[in-house]
């Protein structure tokens, strides 16, 4: 019998690694992106939730501490993932009490900002605990795409930001930042099979035309922030993420097959009703 703790109950407020498809791509990609930045560094995962992301960062980091307000989440994460280089503590990320000034190389804060109202206090706390050459990697939904265009409001979100509001907030606390857009999109990919590297090209089709570059509206913004501009050197222009099972596309194919079978069955049923002289619809 496994000694692993059971999964936390999924309420929609925080992501759990048992949740599949699009949500998995969004959340795992952010942490995968941060893994290289965590290499050899002392890292804080602010609002670490279930703990899977901090565990991923601990694969490359010297040390990782995950801080979360929920005692239940902290206990679960410590039991499931805690180890010599990874620990979890209960605490308020708006204050980060117990973490010394200028003691960390990297702070990661994914999908935390929109859950609190005190945005400046949050950024000030992150800046306080970072070393002068340290980095903050932070993400939040784009209010225009996530809420306005979707026509619905996430009940767990307290205060969402538009892009210009997010960048203004970052600029009040950090000298430089690099902004990325993120969303799950369908792509055809060409990649070298000899392991070599080279330039990255992207294309977007719109009707009969094809444009160079990405033309999709971001669902989320991911920013890398620094007290010093030179700390942003070497960041990638593009980051892609996929799972080996291609679960999102596999689910799409499964649904399409089921719809086609349903349509075929309905068509056959209508033909039989007509042949029997019975009405084939309302």
C-alpha atoms as a PDB file:
ATOM      1  CA  UNK A   1       0.000   0.000   0.000  1.00  0.00           C
ATOM      2  CA  UNK A   2       1.340   3.456  -0.915  1.00  0.00           C
ATOM      3  CA  UNK A   3       2.231   5.892   1.864  1.00  0.00           C
ATOM      4  CA  UNK A   4       1.616   8.889  -0.408  1.00  0.00           C
ATOM      5  CA  UNK A   5      -0.989  11.312   0.990  1.00  0.00           C
ATOM      6  CA  UNK A   6      -4.312  11.455  -0.870  1.00  0.00           C
ATOM      7  CA  UNK A   7      -4.876  14.390  -3.251  1.00  0.00           C
ATOM      8  CA  UNK A   8      -6.326  17.590  -1.842  1.00  0.00           C
ATOM      9  CA  UNK A   9      -9.960  18.282  -2.684  1.00  0.00           C
ATOM     10  CA  UNK A  10     -10.095  20.367  -5.868  1.00  0.00           C
ATOM     11  CA  UNK A  11     -12.158  23.522  -5.320  1.00  0.00           C
ATOM     12  CA  UNK A  12     -10.972  25.538  -8.316  1.00  0.00           C
ATOM     13  CA  UNK A  13      -9.082  28.006  -6.119  1.00  0.00           C
ATOM     14  CA  UNK A  14      -5.684  26.369  -6.660  1.00  0.00           C
ATOM     15  CA  UNK A  15      -4.378  23.938  -9.259  1.00  0.00           C
ATOM     16  CA  UNK A  16      -3.684  20.300  -8.367  1.00  0.00           C
ATOM     17  CA  UNK A  17      -1.449  18.044 -10.491  1.00  0.00           C
ATOM     18  CA  UNK A  18      -4.288  15.522 -10.848  1.00  0.00           C
ATOM     19  CA  UNK A  19      -6.268  18.060 -12.963  1.00  0.00           C
ATOM     20  CA  UNK A  20      -5.643  17.299 -16.675  1.00  0.00           C
ATOM     21  CA  UNK A  21      -5.528  18.984 -20.083  1.00  0.00           C
ATOM     22  CA  UNK A  22      -5.424  22.774 -20.628  1.00  0.00           C
ATOM     23  CA  UNK A  23      -5.071  23.741 -16.975  1.00  0.00           C
ATOM     24  CA  UNK A  24      -2.190  21.305 -16.582  1.00  0.00           C
ATOM     25  CA  UNK A  25      -0.377  22.796 -19.573  1.00  0.00           C
ATOM     26  CA  UNK A  26      -0.755  26.336 -18.224  1.00  0.00           C
ATOM     27  CA  UNK A  27       0.475  25.604 -14.714  1.00  0.00           C
ATOM     28  CA  UNK A  28       3.227  23.077 -15.406  1.00  0.00           C
ATOM     29  CA  UNK A  29       4.638  25.276 -18.185  1.00  0.00           C
ATOM     30  CA  UNK A  30       5.202  28.195 -15.820  1.00  0.00           C
ATOM     31  CA  UNK A  31       7.172  26.080 -13.393  1.00  0.00           C
ATOM     32  CA  UNK A  32       9.090  24.379 -16.201  1.00  0.00           C
ATOM     33  CA  UNK A  33      10.023  27.861 -17.470  1.00  0.00           C
ATOM     34  CA  UNK A  34      11.266  28.802 -13.983  1.00  0.00           C
ATOM     35  CA  UNK A  35      13.291  25.607 -13.485  1.00  0.00           C
ATOM     36  CA  UNK A  36      16.329  26.865 -15.374  1.00  0.00           C
ATOM     37  CA  UNK A  37      16.201  30.211 -13.560  1.00  0.00           C
ATOM     38  CA  UNK A  38      16.167  28.273 -10.271  1.00  0.00           C
ATOM     39  CA  UNK A  39      19.313  26.311 -11.076  1.00  0.00           C
ATOM     40  CA  UNK A  40      21.801  26.578  -8.211  1.00  0.00           C
ATOM     41  CA  UNK A  41      19.732  29.252  -6.460  1.00  0.00           C
ATOM     42  CA  UNK A  42      17.885  29.750  -3.188  1.00  0.00           C
ATOM     43  CA  UNK A  43      14.215  29.990  -4.156  1.00  0.00           C
ATOM     44  CA  UNK A  44      10.870  30.987  -2.656  1.00  0.00           C
ATOM     45  CA  UNK A  45       7.635  29.649  -4.128  1.00  0.00           C
ATOM     46  CA  UNK A  46       5.087  32.175  -2.862  1.00  0.00           C
ATOM     47  CA  UNK A  47       1.589  30.714  -2.403  1.00  0.00           C
ATOM     48  CA  UNK A  48       2.953  27.256  -3.158  1.00  0.00           C
ATOM     49  CA  UNK A  49      -0.433  25.532  -2.824  1.00  0.00           C
ATOM     50  CA  UNK A  50      -0.386  21.771  -3.387  1.00  0.00           C
ATOM     51  CA  UNK A  51       3.411  21.822  -3.636  1.00  0.00           C
ATOM     52  CA  UNK A  52       4.013  20.171  -7.028  1.00  0.00           C
ATOM     53  CA  UNK A  53       5.616  23.320  -8.480  1.00  0.00           C
ATOM     54  CA  UNK A  54       8.055  23.837  -5.614  1.00  0.00           C
ATOM     55  CA  UNK A  55       9.027  20.174  -5.981  1.00  0.00           C
ATOM     56  CA  UNK A  56       9.751  20.773  -9.662  1.00  0.00           C
ATOM     57  CA  UNK A  57      11.921  23.797  -8.844  1.00  0.00           C
ATOM     58  CA  UNK A  58      13.807  21.759  -6.236  1.00  0.00           C
ATOM     59  CA  UNK A  59      15.135  19.520  -9.010  1.00  0.00           C
ATOM     60  CA  UNK A  60      17.526  22.293 -10.060  1.00  0.00           C
ATOM     61  CA  UNK A  61      17.630  24.709  -7.105  1.00  0.00           C
ATOM     62  CA  UNK A  62      20.015  24.650  -4.162  1.00  0.00           C
ATOM     63  CA  UNK A  63      17.065  25.130  -1.809  1.00  0.00           C
ATOM     64  CA  UNK A  64      13.353  25.880  -2.094  1.00  0.00           C
ATOM     65  CA  UNK A  65      10.882  27.058   0.524  1.00  0.00           C
ATOM     66  CA  UNK A  66       7.182  27.043  -0.279  1.00  0.00           C
ATOM     67  CA  UNK A  67       5.008  29.466   1.691  1.00  0.00           C
ATOM     68  CA  UNK A  68       1.215  29.241   1.708  1.00  0.00           C
ATOM     69  CA  UNK A  69      -1.569  30.665   3.879  1.00  0.00           C
ATOM     70  CA  UNK A  70      -3.433  27.344   4.071  1.00  0.00           C
ATOM     71  CA  UNK A  71      -2.269  25.012   6.880  1.00  0.00           C
ATOM     72  CA  UNK A  72      -3.945  22.108   5.069  1.00  0.00           C
ATOM     73  CA  UNK A  73      -2.017  22.778   1.847  1.00  0.00           C
ATOM     74  CA  UNK A  74       1.283  23.181   3.729  1.00  0.00           C
ATOM     75  CA  UNK A  75       0.827  19.920   5.642  1.00  0.00           C
ATOM     76  CA  UNK A  76      -0.087  18.086   2.434  1.00  0.00           C
ATOM     77  CA  UNK A  77       2.881  19.549   0.508  1.00  0.00           C
ATOM     78  CA  UNK A  78       5.391  18.796   3.260  1.00  0.00           C
ATOM     79  CA  UNK A  79       4.147  15.213   3.540  1.00  0.00           C
ATOM     80  CA  UNK A  80       4.130  14.614  -0.210  1.00  0.00           C
ATOM     81  CA  UNK A  81       7.189  16.558  -1.390  1.00  0.00           C
ATOM     82  CA  UNK A  82       9.292  17.743   1.568  1.00  0.00           C
ATOM     83  CA  UNK A  83      12.963  16.798   1.598  1.00  0.00           C
ATOM     84  CA  UNK A  84      16.506  17.972   2.310  1.00  0.00           C
ATOM     85  CA  UNK A  85      16.345  20.847  -0.205  1.00  0.00           C
ATOM     86  CA  UNK A  86      12.605  21.533  -0.038  1.00  0.00           C
ATOM     87  CA  UNK A  87      10.409  22.594   2.868  1.00  0.00           C
ATOM     88  CA  UNK A  88       6.992  24.188   3.237  1.00  0.00           C
ATOM     89  CA  UNK A  89       5.902  26.798   5.781  1.00  0.00           C
ATOM     90  CA  UNK A  90       2.568  28.362   6.685  1.00  0.00           C
ATOM     91  CA  UNK A  91       2.642  32.129   6.240  1.00  0.00           C
ATOM     92  CA  UNK A  92       1.265  35.257   4.594  1.00  0.00           C
ATOM     93  CA  UNK A  93       3.010  36.101   1.315  1.00  0.00           C
ATOM     94  CA  UNK A  94       2.050  39.756   1.792  1.00  0.00           C
ATOM     95  CA  UNK A  95       4.523  39.930   4.660  1.00  0.00           C
ATOM     96  CA  UNK A  96       6.870  36.938   4.433  1.00  0.00           C
ATOM     97  CA  UNK A  97       7.659  37.115   8.112  1.00  0.00           C
ATOM     98  CA  UNK A  98      10.630  34.948   9.026  1.00  0.00           C
ATOM     99  CA  UNK A  99      12.387  35.431   5.683  1.00  0.00           C
ATOM    100  CA  UNK A 100      15.363  37.764   5.977  1.00  0.00           C
ATOM    101  CA  UNK A 101      15.953  40.780   3.765  1.00  0.00           C
ATOM    102  CA  UNK A 102      18.039  40.153   0.617  1.00  0.00           C
ATOM    103  CA  UNK A 103      18.328  36.415   1.342  1.00  0.00           C
ATOM    104  CA  UNK A 104      16.893  34.848  -1.828  1.00  0.00           C
ATOM    105  CA  UNK A 105      18.039  34.555  -5.435  1.00  0.00           C
ATOM    106  CA  UNK A 106      14.629  33.839  -6.972  1.00  0.00           C
ATOM    107  CA  UNK A 107      11.000  34.388  -5.993  1.00  0.00           C
ATOM    108  CA  UNK A 108       8.307  32.570  -7.965  1.00  0.00           C
ATOM    109  CA  UNK A 109       4.684  33.732  -7.676  1.00  0.00           C
ATOM    110  CA  UNK A 110       2.287  32.084 -10.095  1.00  0.00           C
ATOM    111  CA  UNK A 111      -1.417  33.013 -10.126  1.00  0.00           C
ATOM    112  CA  UNK A 112      -1.220  34.707  -6.715  1.00  0.00           C
ATOM    113  CA  UNK A 113      -1.590  38.394  -7.542  1.00  0.00           C
ATOM    114  CA  UNK A 114      -5.243  38.210  -8.597  1.00  0.00           C
ATOM    115  CA  UNK A 115      -6.205  36.490  -5.323  1.00  0.00           C
ATOM    116  CA  UNK A 116      -5.251  39.503  -3.171  1.00  0.00           C
ATOM    117  CA  UNK A 117      -6.117  43.195  -3.213  1.00  0.00           C
ATOM    118  CA  UNK A 118      -2.854  44.558  -1.779  1.00  0.00           C
ATOM    119  CA  UNK A 119      -0.747  44.326  -4.940  1.00  0.00           C
ATOM    120  CA  UNK A 120       1.881  46.857  -3.947  1.00  0.00           C
ATOM    121  CA  UNK A 121       2.375  45.203  -0.561  1.00  0.00           C
ATOM    122  CA  UNK A 122       2.924  41.863  -2.309  1.00  0.00           C
ATOM    123  CA  UNK A 123       5.524  43.255  -4.707  1.00  0.00           C
ATOM    124  CA  UNK A 124       7.256  45.123  -1.887  1.00  0.00           C
ATOM    125  CA  UNK A 125       7.538  41.907   0.135  1.00  0.00           C
ATOM    126  CA  UNK A 126       9.050  40.077  -2.832  1.00  0.00           C
ATOM    127  CA  UNK A 127      11.530  42.878  -3.473  1.00  0.00           C
ATOM    128  CA  UNK A 128      12.555  42.967   0.197  1.00  0.00           C
ATOM    129  CA  UNK A 129      13.597  39.306   0.361  1.00  0.00           C
ATOM    130  CA  UNK A 130      15.454  39.316  -2.980  1.00  0.00           C
ATOM    131  CA  UNK A 131      19.181  39.861  -3.264  1.00  0.00           C
ATOM    132  CA  UNK A 132      20.274  42.838  -5.430  1.00  0.00           C
ATOM    133  CA  UNK A 133      20.876  40.490  -8.381  1.00  0.00           C
ATOM    134  CA  UNK A 134      17.780  38.388  -7.651  1.00  0.00           C
ATOM    135  CA  UNK A 135      14.805  37.718  -9.932  1.00  0.00           C
ATOM    136  CA  UNK A 136      11.044  37.618  -9.507  1.00  0.00           C
ATOM    137  CA  UNK A 137       8.975  35.453 -11.879  1.00  0.00           C
ATOM    138  CA  UNK A 138       5.292  36.332 -11.539  1.00  0.00           C
ATOM    139  CA  UNK A 139       2.154  35.498 -13.514  1.00  0.00           C
ATOM    140  CA  UNK A 140      -1.438  36.709 -13.570  1.00  0.00           C
ATOM    141  CA  UNK A 141      -4.408  36.488 -15.961  1.00  0.00           C
ATOM    142  CA  UNK A 142      -4.904  39.221 -18.547  1.00  0.00           C
ATOM    143  CA  UNK A 143      -8.254  40.732 -17.533  1.00  0.00           C
ATOM    144  CA  UNK A 144      -9.186  41.656 -21.109  1.00  0.00           C
ATOM    145  CA  UNK A 145      -8.851  38.101 -22.454  1.00  0.00           C
ATOM    146  CA  UNK A 146      -9.523  36.052 -19.327  1.00  0.00           C
ATOM    147  CA  UNK A 147     -12.615  37.907 -18.100  1.00  0.00           C
ATOM    148  CA  UNK A 148     -13.899  40.589 -20.497  1.00  0.00           C
ATOM    149  CA  UNK A 149     -13.827  38.517 -23.705  1.00  0.00           C
ATOM    150  CA  UNK A 150     -14.884  35.329 -21.904  1.00  0.00           C
ATOM    151  CA  UNK A 151     -17.842  37.095 -20.312  1.00  0.00           C
ATOM    152  CA  UNK A 152     -17.414  35.415 -16.956  1.00  0.00           C
ATOM    153  CA  UNK A 153     -15.753  36.139 -13.613  1.00  0.00           C
ATOM    154  CA  UNK A 154     -13.621  33.719 -11.599  1.00  0.00           C
ATOM    155  CA  UNK A 155     -15.168  33.730  -8.089  1.00  0.00           C
ATOM    156  CA  UNK A 156     -11.762  33.165  -6.480  1.00  0.00           C
ATOM    157  CA  UNK A 157     -10.197  36.266  -8.023  1.00  0.00           C
ATOM    158  CA  UNK A 158     -10.200  39.447  -5.945  1.00  0.00           C
ATOM    159  CA  UNK A 159      -8.533  41.893  -8.341  1.00  0.00           C
ATOM    160  CA  UNK A 160      -7.449  41.204 -11.914  1.00  0.00           C
ATOM    161  CA  UNK A 161      -5.304  43.539 -14.008  1.00  0.00           C
ATOM    162  CA  UNK A 162      -5.086  44.651 -17.609  1.00  0.00           C
ATOM    163  CA  UNK A 163      -1.646  44.511 -19.213  1.00  0.00           C
ATOM    164  CA  UNK A 164      -0.898  48.202 -18.718  1.00  0.00           C
ATOM    165  CA  UNK A 165      -1.916  47.994 -15.045  1.00  0.00           C
ATOM    166  CA  UNK A 166       0.275  44.943 -14.498  1.00  0.00           C
ATOM    167  CA  UNK A 167       3.309  46.563 -16.124  1.00  0.00           C
ATOM    168  CA  UNK A 168       2.777  49.788 -14.162  1.00  0.00           C
ATOM    169  CA  UNK A 169       2.732  47.774 -10.934  1.00  0.00           C
ATOM    170  CA  UNK A 170       5.946  45.956 -11.829  1.00  0.00           C
ATOM    171  CA  UNK A 171       7.678  49.217 -12.784  1.00  0.00           C
ATOM    172  CA  UNK A 172       6.886  50.765  -9.392  1.00  0.00           C
ATOM    173  CA  UNK A 173       8.954  48.090  -7.660  1.00  0.00           C
ATOM    174  CA  UNK A 174      11.551  46.772 -10.112  1.00  0.00           C
ATOM    175  CA  UNK A 175      13.962  48.577 -12.399  1.00  0.00           C
ATOM    176  CA  UNK A 176      13.430  46.205 -15.331  1.00  0.00           C
ATOM    177  CA  UNK A 177      11.053  43.477 -16.403  1.00  0.00           C
ATOM    178  CA  UNK A 178      10.558  41.178 -19.390  1.00  0.00           C
ATOM    179  CA  UNK A 179       6.911  40.422 -20.193  1.00  0.00           C
ATOM    180  CA  UNK A 180       5.699  37.195 -21.818  1.00  0.00           C
ATOM    181  CA  UNK A 181       2.241  36.218 -23.001  1.00  0.00           C
ATOM    182  CA  UNK A 182       0.924  32.722 -22.338  1.00  0.00           C
ATOM    183  CA  UNK A 183      -2.038  30.692 -23.547  1.00  0.00           C
ATOM    184  CA  UNK A 184      -2.719  27.167 -24.766  1.00  0.00           C
ATOM    185  CA  UNK A 185      -2.859  27.159 -28.575  1.00  0.00           C
ATOM    186  CA  UNK A 186      -2.780  24.490 -31.292  1.00  0.00           C
ATOM    187  CA  UNK A 187       0.484  24.310 -33.223  1.00  0.00           C
ATOM    188  CA  UNK A 188       2.181  22.293 -35.896  1.00  0.00           C
ATOM    189  CA  UNK A 189       5.844  22.091 -34.913  1.00  0.00           C
ATOM    190  CA  UNK A 190       9.020  21.482 -36.911  1.00  0.00           C
ATOM    191  CA  UNK A 191      12.139  20.714 -34.867  1.00  0.00           C
ATOM    192  CA  UNK A 192      15.643  19.532 -35.611  1.00  0.00           C
ATOM    193  CA  UNK A 193      16.157  15.838 -34.933  1.00  0.00           C
ATOM    194  CA  UNK A 194      19.955  16.073 -34.733  1.00  0.00           C
ATOM    195  CA  UNK A 195      19.877  17.955 -31.433  1.00  0.00           C
ATOM    196  CA  UNK A 196      21.229  21.163 -32.932  1.00  0.00           C
ATOM    197  CA  UNK A 197      20.076  24.709 -32.204  1.00  0.00           C
ATOM    198  CA  UNK A 198      19.233  27.675 -34.387  1.00  0.00           C
ATOM    199  CA  UNK A 199      16.912  30.603 -34.917  1.00  0.00           C
ATOM    200  CA  UNK A 200      13.267  30.379 -33.824  1.00  0.00           C
ATOM    201  CA  UNK A 201      10.513  31.217 -36.317  1.00  0.00           C
ATOM    202  CA  UNK A 202       6.776  31.416 -35.657  1.00  0.00           C
ATOM    203  CA  UNK A 203       3.819  31.864 -37.991  1.00  0.00           C
ATOM    204  CA  UNK A 204       0.123  32.628 -37.566  1.00  0.00           C
ATOM    205  CA  UNK A 205      -2.568  31.908 -40.149  1.00  0.00           C
ATOM    206  CA  UNK A 206      -5.519  34.302 -40.448  1.00  0.00           C
ATOM    207  CA  UNK A 207      -7.909  33.269 -43.206  1.00  0.00           C
ATOM    208  CA  UNK A 208      -5.954  32.996 -46.456  1.00  0.00           C
ATOM    209  CA  UNK A 209      -2.958  34.906 -45.118  1.00  0.00           C
ATOM    210  CA  UNK A 210       0.049  33.802 -43.062  1.00  0.00           C
ATOM    211  CA  UNK A 211       1.980  36.218 -40.856  1.00  0.00           C
ATOM    212  CA  UNK A 212       5.346  35.920 -39.171  1.00  0.00           C
ATOM    213  CA  UNK A 213       5.159  35.906 -35.373  1.00  0.00           C
ATOM    214  CA  UNK A 214       2.490  35.076 -32.794  1.00  0.00           C
ATOM    215  CA  UNK A 215      -0.856  36.865 -33.215  1.00  0.00           C
ATOM    216  CA  UNK A 216      -2.828  35.215 -30.375  1.00  0.00           C
ATOM    217  CA  UNK A 217      -4.096  37.297 -27.441  1.00  0.00           C
ATOM    218  CA  UNK A 218      -2.410  36.224 -24.185  1.00  0.00           C
ATOM    219  CA  UNK A 219      -4.629  34.550 -21.612  1.00  0.00           C
ATOM    220  CA  UNK A 220      -1.959  35.133 -18.948  1.00  0.00           C
ATOM    221  CA  UNK A 221       1.005  37.409 -18.485  1.00  0.00           C
ATOM    222  CA  UNK A 222       4.269  36.046 -17.116  1.00  0.00           C
ATOM    223  CA  UNK A 223       6.916  38.579 -16.111  1.00  0.00           C
ATOM    224  CA  UNK A 224      10.546  38.211 -15.092  1.00  0.00           C
ATOM    225  CA  UNK A 225      11.523  41.180 -12.921  1.00  0.00           C
ATOM    226  CA  UNK A 226      14.919  42.398 -11.746  1.00  0.00           C
ATOM    227  CA  UNK A 227      16.363  45.105  -9.542  1.00  0.00           C
ATOM    228  CA  UNK A 228      19.184  45.347 -12.077  1.00  0.00           C
ATOM    229  CA  UNK A 229      18.654  45.203 -15.836  1.00  0.00           C
ATOM    230  CA  UNK A 230      21.633  42.941 -16.539  1.00  0.00           C
ATOM    231  CA  UNK A 231      19.967  40.152 -14.542  1.00  0.00           C
ATOM    232  CA  UNK A 232      17.524  39.656 -17.441  1.00  0.00           C
ATOM    233  CA  UNK A 233      20.267  38.687 -19.906  1.00  0.00           C
ATOM    234  CA  UNK A 234      19.906  35.266 -21.486  1.00  0.00           C
ATOM    235  CA  UNK A 235      16.151  34.898 -21.156  1.00  0.00           C
ATOM    236  CA  UNK A 236      14.509  32.958 -24.019  1.00  0.00           C
ATOM    237  CA  UNK A 237      12.393  34.594 -26.696  1.00  0.00           C
ATOM    238  CA  UNK A 238      10.000  31.652 -26.811  1.00  0.00           C
ATOM    239  CA  UNK A 239       9.149  28.786 -24.446  1.00  0.00           C
ATOM    240  CA  UNK A 240       7.036  25.787 -25.537  1.00  0.00           C
ATOM    241  CA  UNK A 241       5.532  23.030 -23.413  1.00  0.00           C
ATOM    242  CA  UNK A 242       3.907  19.689 -24.243  1.00  0.00           C
ATOM    243  CA  UNK A 243       3.331  16.377 -22.508  1.00  0.00           C
ATOM    244  CA  UNK A 244       4.560  13.116 -23.994  1.00  0.00           C
ATOM    245  CA  UNK A 245       1.028  11.721 -24.117  1.00  0.00           C
ATOM    246  CA  UNK A 246      -0.314  14.791 -25.985  1.00  0.00           C
ATOM    247  CA  UNK A 247      -3.273  14.691 -23.574  1.00  0.00           C
ATOM    248  CA  UNK A 248      -5.004  17.865 -24.776  1.00  0.00           C
ATOM    249  CA  UNK A 249      -5.028  16.783 -28.423  1.00  0.00           C
ATOM    250  CA  UNK A 250      -5.881  13.190 -27.464  1.00  0.00           C
ATOM    251  CA  UNK A 251      -8.903  14.447 -25.512  1.00  0.00           C
ATOM    252  CA  UNK A 252      -9.954  16.592 -28.482  1.00  0.00           C
ATOM    253  CA  UNK A 253      -9.737  13.565 -30.789  1.00  0.00           C
ATOM    254  CA  UNK A 254     -11.750  11.448 -28.340  1.00  0.00           C
ATOM    255  CA  UNK A 255     -14.523  14.045 -28.132  1.00  0.00           C
ATOM    256  CA  UNK A 256     -14.647  14.436 -31.916  1.00  0.00           C
ATOM    257  CA  UNK A 257     -14.910  10.667 -32.383  1.00  0.00           C
ATOM    258  CA  UNK A 258     -17.756  10.493 -29.853  1.00  0.00           C
ATOM    259  CA  UNK A 259     -19.593  13.359 -31.578  1.00  0.00           C
ATOM    260  CA  UNK A 260     -19.171  11.714 -34.977  1.00  0.00           C
ATOM    261  CA  UNK A 261     -20.534   8.404 -33.643  1.00  0.00           C
ATOM    262  CA  UNK A 262     -23.477  10.229 -32.072  1.00  0.00           C
ATOM    263  CA  UNK A 263     -24.193  12.041 -35.337  1.00  0.00           C
ATOM    264  CA  UNK A 264     -23.947   8.781 -37.283  1.00  0.00           C
ATOM    265  CA  UNK A 265     -26.319   7.061 -34.851  1.00  0.00           C
ATOM    266  CA  UNK A 266     -28.815   9.964 -35.068  1.00  0.00           C
ATOM    267  CA  UNK A 267     -28.670   9.892 -38.875  1.00  0.00           C
ATOM    268  CA  UNK A 268     -29.327   6.119 -38.936  1.00  0.00           C
ATOM    269  CA  UNK A 269     -32.191   6.492 -36.476  1.00  0.00           C
ATOM    270  CA  UNK A 270     -33.819   9.223 -38.607  1.00  0.00           C
ATOM    271  CA  UNK A 271     -33.541   7.056 -41.720  1.00  0.00           C
ATOM    272  CA  UNK A 272     -35.219   4.130 -39.945  1.00  0.00           C
ATOM    273  CA  UNK A 273     -38.026   6.338 -38.640  1.00  0.00           C
ATOM    274  CA  UNK A 274     -38.675   7.698 -42.122  1.00  0.00           C
ATOM    275  CA  UNK A 275     -38.658   4.196 -43.584  1.00  0.00           C
ATOM    276  CA  UNK A 276     -41.275   3.181 -40.994  1.00  0.00           C
ATOM    277  CA  UNK A 277     -43.394   6.228 -41.823  1.00  0.00           C
ATOM    278  CA  UNK A 278     -42.835   7.741 -38.399  1.00  0.00           C
ATOM    279  CA  UNK A 279     -41.880  11.373 -37.660  1.00  0.00           C
ATOM    280  CA  UNK A 280     -38.109  11.789 -37.439  1.00  0.00           C
ATOM    281  CA  UNK A 281     -38.030  14.878 -35.297  1.00  0.00           C
ATOM    282  CA  UNK A 282     -40.043  17.434 -33.291  1.00  0.00           C
END
